C-alpha cells in the first residue's frame, strides 16, 4: 500500500499537460483583453475611414 501511495505522489505525467493548458488559458485571456481594449479604437478608425471614402465617392459621383 505504501508503494502505491509513493508512486501516486511521485507521478507527474499529467502535470505537463495541465501546465500547457494553464498557459493556453492565460494566453487566451490576454488576447481577449487586448482585443477588448483596442477593439473600440479599431472600430472607430475603420468607421472614420469608411465615412471618408463614402464622402469622397459621393463627391466624385456628383462631379461626373
N, C-alpha and C. Protein backbone atom coordinates (compact mmCIF):
# COMPACT_ATOMS: atom_id res chain seq x y z
N UNK A 1 0.82 -1.19 0.00
CA UNK A 1 0.00 0.00 0.00
C UNK A 1 0.87 1.26 0.00
N UNK A 2 1.99 1.21 0.73
CA UNK A 2 2.89 2.36 0.76
C UNK A 2 3.49 2.61 -0.61
N UNK A 3 3.81 1.53 -1.32
CA UNK A 3 4.38 1.68 -2.67
C UNK A 3 3.41 2.36 -3.61
N UNK A 4 2.15 2.00 -3.52
CA UNK A 4 1.13 2.62 -4.38
C UNK A 4 1.02 4.10 -4.07
N UNK A 5 1.02 4.45 -2.79
CA UNK A 5 0.92 5.85 -2.39
C UNK A 5 2.15 6.63 -2.85
N UNK A 6 3.33 6.05 -2.72
CA UNK A 6 4.56 6.73 -3.16
C UNK A 6 4.56 6.95 -4.66
N UNK A 7 4.12 5.94 -5.42
CA UNK A 7 4.06 6.08 -6.88
C UNK A 7 3.06 7.15 -7.28
N UNK A 8 1.93 7.19 -6.59
CA UNK A 8 0.90 8.18 -6.91
C UNK A 8 1.42 9.59 -6.64
N UNK A 9 2.09 9.78 -5.52
CA UNK A 9 2.60 11.10 -5.16
C UNK A 9 3.71 11.54 -6.10
N UNK A 10 4.57 10.62 -6.50
CA UNK A 10 5.70 10.98 -7.36
C UNK A 10 5.35 11.01 -8.85
N UNK A 11 4.17 10.55 -9.23
CA UNK A 11 3.78 10.53 -10.64
C UNK A 11 3.45 11.95 -11.10
N UNK A 12 4.18 12.44 -12.08
CA UNK A 12 3.97 13.79 -12.62
C UNK A 12 3.64 13.76 -14.11
N UNK A 13 3.13 12.67 -14.60
CA UNK A 13 2.90 12.53 -16.04
C UNK A 13 1.84 13.48 -16.57
N UNK A 14 0.85 13.82 -15.79
CA UNK A 14 -0.19 14.73 -16.26
C UNK A 14 0.10 16.18 -15.96
N UNK A 15 1.15 16.44 -15.20
CA UNK A 15 1.45 17.82 -14.80
C UNK A 15 1.79 18.70 -16.00
N UNK A 16 2.52 18.17 -16.95
CA UNK A 16 2.91 18.96 -18.11
C UNK A 16 1.69 19.36 -18.93
N UNK A 17 0.78 18.45 -19.13
CA UNK A 17 -0.43 18.76 -19.88
C UNK A 17 -1.25 19.83 -19.18
N UNK A 18 -1.33 19.74 -17.87
CA UNK A 18 -2.07 20.75 -17.11
C UNK A 18 -1.39 22.11 -17.22
N UNK A 19 -0.06 22.12 -17.15
CA UNK A 19 0.67 23.38 -17.27
C UNK A 19 0.47 24.00 -18.65
N UNK A 20 0.52 23.20 -19.70
CA UNK A 20 0.27 23.72 -21.04
C UNK A 20 -1.15 24.26 -21.16
N UNK A 21 -2.09 23.58 -20.55
CA UNK A 21 -3.47 24.06 -20.55
C UNK A 21 -3.62 25.39 -19.85
N UNK A 22 -2.93 25.54 -18.73
CA UNK A 22 -2.98 26.80 -17.99
C UNK A 22 -2.33 27.93 -18.79
N UNK A 23 -1.22 27.65 -19.45
CA UNK A 23 -0.56 28.67 -20.28
C UNK A 23 -1.47 29.07 -21.44
N UNK A 24 -2.10 28.09 -22.07
CA UNK A 24 -3.02 28.39 -23.18
C UNK A 24 -4.19 29.24 -22.70
N UNK A 25 -4.71 28.95 -21.53
CA UNK A 25 -5.82 29.73 -20.98
C UNK A 25 -5.37 31.17 -20.70
N UNK A 26 -4.17 31.34 -20.16
CA UNK A 26 -3.67 32.69 -19.89
C UNK A 26 -3.45 33.48 -21.17
N UNK A 27 -2.94 32.82 -22.20
CA UNK A 27 -2.75 33.48 -23.49
C UNK A 27 -4.11 33.89 -24.06
N UNK A 28 -5.09 33.03 -23.93
CA UNK A 28 -6.44 33.35 -24.41
C UNK A 28 -7.02 34.56 -23.69
N UNK A 29 -6.85 34.61 -22.38
CA UNK A 29 -7.35 35.75 -21.60
C UNK A 29 -6.63 37.03 -22.02
N UNK A 30 -5.33 36.93 -22.26
CA UNK A 30 -4.57 38.11 -22.69
C UNK A 30 -5.05 38.60 -24.05
N UNK A 31 -5.31 37.69 -24.97
CA UNK A 31 -5.79 38.07 -26.30
C UNK A 31 -7.15 38.75 -26.21
N UNK A 32 -8.03 38.20 -25.41
CA UNK A 32 -9.36 38.81 -25.23
C UNK A 32 -9.21 40.20 -24.63
N UNK A 33 -8.33 40.34 -23.65
CA UNK A 33 -8.10 41.65 -23.04
C UNK A 33 -7.57 42.66 -24.03
N UNK A 34 -6.64 42.25 -24.85
CA UNK A 34 -6.06 43.15 -25.85
C UNK A 34 -7.12 43.58 -26.86
N UNK A 35 -7.90 42.62 -27.36
CA UNK A 35 -8.91 42.97 -28.36
C UNK A 35 -10.03 43.80 -27.77
N UNK A 36 -10.39 43.57 -26.52
CA UNK A 36 -11.44 44.39 -25.93
C UNK A 36 -10.95 45.81 -25.68
N UNK A 37 -9.66 45.96 -25.38
CA UNK A 37 -9.10 47.29 -25.16
C UNK A 37 -8.97 48.07 -26.46
N UNK A 38 -8.41 47.44 -27.46
CA UNK A 38 -8.16 48.13 -28.72
C UNK A 38 -9.29 47.97 -29.73
N UNK A 39 -10.26 47.14 -29.43
CA UNK A 39 -11.36 46.89 -30.37
C UNK A 39 -12.16 48.14 -30.67
N UNK A 40 -12.45 48.92 -29.63
CA UNK A 40 -13.23 50.14 -29.82
C UNK A 40 -12.47 51.15 -30.66
N UNK A 41 -11.18 51.29 -30.39
CA UNK A 41 -10.36 52.22 -31.16
C UNK A 41 -10.25 51.77 -32.62
N UNK A 42 -10.11 50.48 -32.81
CA UNK A 42 -10.00 49.95 -34.17
C UNK A 42 -11.31 50.14 -34.92
N UNK A 43 -12.42 49.92 -34.25
CA UNK A 43 -13.73 50.12 -34.88
C UNK A 43 -13.92 51.58 -35.27
N UNK A 44 -13.53 52.48 -34.39
CA UNK A 44 -13.64 53.91 -34.69
C UNK A 44 -12.77 54.29 -35.88
N UNK A 45 -11.56 53.75 -35.94
CA UNK A 45 -10.66 54.06 -37.06
C UNK A 45 -11.24 53.58 -38.38
N UNK A 46 -11.78 52.37 -38.41
CA UNK A 46 -12.34 51.86 -39.66
C UNK A 46 -13.64 52.58 -40.03
N UNK A 47 -14.42 52.97 -39.05
CA UNK A 47 -15.63 53.73 -39.33
C UNK A 47 -15.28 55.09 -39.93
N UNK A 48 -14.29 55.75 -39.36
CA UNK A 48 -13.84 57.04 -39.89
C UNK A 48 -13.31 56.89 -41.31
N UNK A 49 -12.54 55.85 -41.54
CA UNK A 49 -12.01 55.58 -42.87
C UNK A 49 -13.14 55.33 -43.86
N UNK A 50 -14.10 54.53 -43.47
CA UNK A 50 -15.24 54.23 -44.35
C UNK A 50 -16.06 55.46 -44.65
N UNK A 51 -16.29 56.29 -43.63
CA UNK A 51 -17.05 57.52 -43.85
C UNK A 51 -16.32 58.45 -44.80
N UNK A 52 -15.00 58.53 -44.64
CA UNK A 52 -14.21 59.37 -45.55
C UNK A 52 -14.26 58.88 -46.98
N UNK A 53 -14.19 57.57 -47.15
CA UNK A 53 -14.28 57.00 -48.50
C UNK A 53 -15.66 57.24 -49.10
N UNK A 54 -16.70 57.10 -48.31
CA UNK A 54 -18.06 57.36 -48.81
C UNK A 54 -18.22 58.82 -49.22
N UNK A 55 -17.66 59.72 -48.44
CA UNK A 55 -17.74 61.15 -48.76
C UNK A 55 -17.03 61.44 -50.08
N UNK A 56 -15.84 60.90 -50.25
CA UNK A 56 -15.08 61.14 -51.48
C UNK A 56 -15.78 60.51 -52.68
N UNK A 57 -16.34 59.33 -52.50
CA UNK A 57 -17.06 58.67 -53.59
C UNK A 57 -18.27 59.48 -54.01
N UNK A 58 -18.98 60.03 -53.03
CA UNK A 58 -20.15 60.86 -53.33
C UNK A 58 -19.73 62.12 -54.08
N UNK A 59 -18.63 62.73 -53.65
CA UNK A 59 -18.15 63.94 -54.34
C UNK A 59 -17.74 63.64 -55.78
N UNK A 60 -17.08 62.51 -55.99
CA UNK A 60 -16.68 62.14 -57.34
C UNK A 60 -17.89 61.85 -58.22
N UNK A 61 -18.88 61.21 -57.66
CA UNK A 61 -20.09 60.89 -58.42
C UNK A 61 -20.88 62.12 -58.78
N UNK A 62 -20.84 63.14 -57.94
CA UNK A 62 -21.59 64.36 -58.20
C UNK A 62 -20.96 65.20 -59.30
N UNK A 63 -19.64 65.09 -59.48
CA UNK A 63 -18.97 65.92 -60.49
C UNK A 63 -19.02 65.30 -61.88
N UNK A 64 -19.30 64.02 -61.97
CA UNK A 64 -19.31 63.36 -63.28
C UNK A 64 -20.62 63.50 -63.94
